Amino acid sequence: MRSVNIADLKNRLSRYLQEVREGEELVVRDRNLPIAKIVPISDASEIDPDDLTLVASGQLRLPEKPLPASFWSMRAPRVSTRRAVAAVMADREGD
C-alpha cells in the first residue's frame, strides 16, 4: 500500500488512478496525516452504473464481502400495521 500527499496526488492523479486500476491501494495524507484511502473496486462489471455514480460522490459504500447465505433463510421480523403506520407518520412529521 502506497502513501501519497495531496499535492502529489493532484499533480499526478492520472498516474495514481492507473495504479489503483491495477490493484494498488493508496493512502492519502494531508501534511503527513492519513485522511483517506483509495481502493480499487473489485469487479466493476457487475455494479450498476448508477451505484458507481453514488460511490464516486461518496453517498454509497460498496460491500466488502457478500451477505452470508444464512441471511436469506432468516425469518423477517413481524411488525404490526399500527406500528408501521406510526413510524411512517413520525418520519413524515420530521421533514
Protein backbone atom coordinates (compact mmCIF):
# COMPACT_ATOMS: atom_id res chain seq x y z
CA MET A 1 0.00 0.00 0.00
CA ARG A 2 1.41 3.33 -1.07
CA SER A 3 1.05 6.65 0.69
CA VAL A 4 0.80 9.98 -1.10
CA ASN A 5 0.39 13.62 -0.04
CA ILE A 6 -2.47 15.66 -1.50
CA ALA A 7 -0.25 17.94 -3.59
CA ASP A 8 1.49 14.97 -5.23
CA LEU A 9 -1.86 13.25 -5.79
CA LYS A 10 -3.23 16.37 -7.52
CA ASN A 11 -0.15 16.69 -9.72
CA ARG A 12 -0.13 13.03 -10.79
CA LEU A 13 -3.77 12.00 -10.40
CA SER A 14 -3.98 10.03 -13.66
CA ARG A 15 -0.90 8.01 -12.81
CA TYR A 16 -2.14 7.17 -9.32
CA LEU A 17 -5.60 6.23 -10.59
CA GLN A 18 -4.00 3.89 -13.10
CA GLU A 19 -2.16 2.23 -10.23
CA VAL A 20 -5.47 1.83 -8.39
CA ARG A 21 -6.99 0.25 -11.51
CA GLU A 22 -4.13 -2.23 -11.41
CA GLY A 23 -5.00 -3.21 -7.83
CA GLU A 24 -2.82 -0.86 -5.76
CA GLU A 25 -4.28 0.80 -2.65
CA LEU A 26 -3.34 4.41 -1.84
CA VAL A 27 -3.42 6.21 1.48
CA VAL A 28 -3.95 9.95 1.00
CA ARG A 29 -2.20 12.22 3.52
CA ASP A 30 -2.70 15.86 4.43
CA ARG A 31 0.58 17.15 5.86
CA ASN A 32 1.62 13.55 6.51
CA LEU A 33 -1.60 12.78 8.44
CA PRO A 34 -3.59 9.94 6.79
CA ILE A 35 -7.08 11.16 5.87
CA ALA A 36 -8.39 8.78 3.19
CA LYS A 37 -7.79 5.54 1.36
CA ILE A 38 -8.33 4.92 -2.34
CA VAL A 39 -9.00 1.26 -3.12
CA PRO A 40 -9.90 -0.47 -6.38
CA ILE A 41 -13.47 -1.65 -6.95
CA SER A 42 -13.31 -5.44 -7.00
CA ASP A 43 -15.48 -6.13 -10.05
CA ALA A 44 -16.96 -3.02 -11.63
CA SER A 45 -18.61 -5.02 -14.44
CA GLU A 46 -21.25 -6.33 -12.01
CA ILE A 47 -22.02 -2.94 -10.44
CA ASP A 48 -24.90 -0.79 -11.66
CA PRO A 49 -23.61 2.46 -13.27
CA ASP A 50 -25.96 4.47 -11.02
CA ASP A 51 -24.37 2.83 -7.97
CA LEU A 52 -20.91 3.73 -9.27
CA THR A 53 -22.04 7.35 -9.52
CA LEU A 54 -23.16 7.25 -5.88
CA VAL A 55 -19.86 5.65 -4.86
CA ALA A 56 -17.92 8.37 -6.67
CA SER A 57 -19.92 11.08 -4.90
CA GLY A 58 -19.35 9.47 -1.50
CA GLN A 59 -23.03 8.68 -0.94
CA LEU A 60 -22.66 4.89 -1.17
CA ARG A 61 -20.11 2.38 0.03
CA LEU A 62 -19.85 -0.97 -1.71
CA PRO A 63 -19.88 -4.08 0.48
CA GLU A 64 -16.53 -5.55 1.42
CA LYS A 65 -17.92 -9.10 1.29
CA PRO A 66 -21.24 -10.70 0.28
CA LEU A 67 -24.01 -11.44 2.74
CA PRO A 68 -23.87 -14.94 4.22
CA ALA A 69 -26.28 -17.45 2.66
CA SER A 70 -28.00 -17.83 6.03
CA PHE A 71 -29.20 -14.21 5.79
CA TRP A 72 -31.78 -15.13 3.15
CA SER A 73 -33.20 -18.02 5.19
CA MET A 74 -33.83 -15.88 8.28
CA ARG A 75 -37.41 -15.03 9.15
CA ALA A 76 -38.41 -11.44 8.60
CA PRO A 77 -39.39 -9.56 11.76
CA ARG A 78 -43.11 -9.15 12.32
CA VAL A 79 -44.27 -5.56 12.59
CA SER A 80 -47.89 -4.67 13.23
CA THR A 81 -49.64 -2.38 10.74
CA ARG A 82 -50.31 0.14 13.51
CA ARG A 83 -46.63 0.33 14.40
CA ALA A 84 -45.58 0.62 10.74
CA VAL A 85 -48.06 3.46 10.12
CA ALA A 86 -46.91 5.24 13.29
CA ALA A 87 -43.28 5.01 12.14
CA VAL A 88 -44.10 6.40 8.69
CA MET A 89 -46.13 9.25 10.19
CA ALA A 90 -43.34 10.12 12.64
CA ASP A 91 -40.84 10.14 9.79
CA ARG A 92 -43.03 12.46 7.71
CA GLU A 93 -43.51 14.87 10.60
CA GLY A 94 -39.72 15.11 10.93
CA ASP A 95 -39.36 16.63 7.42
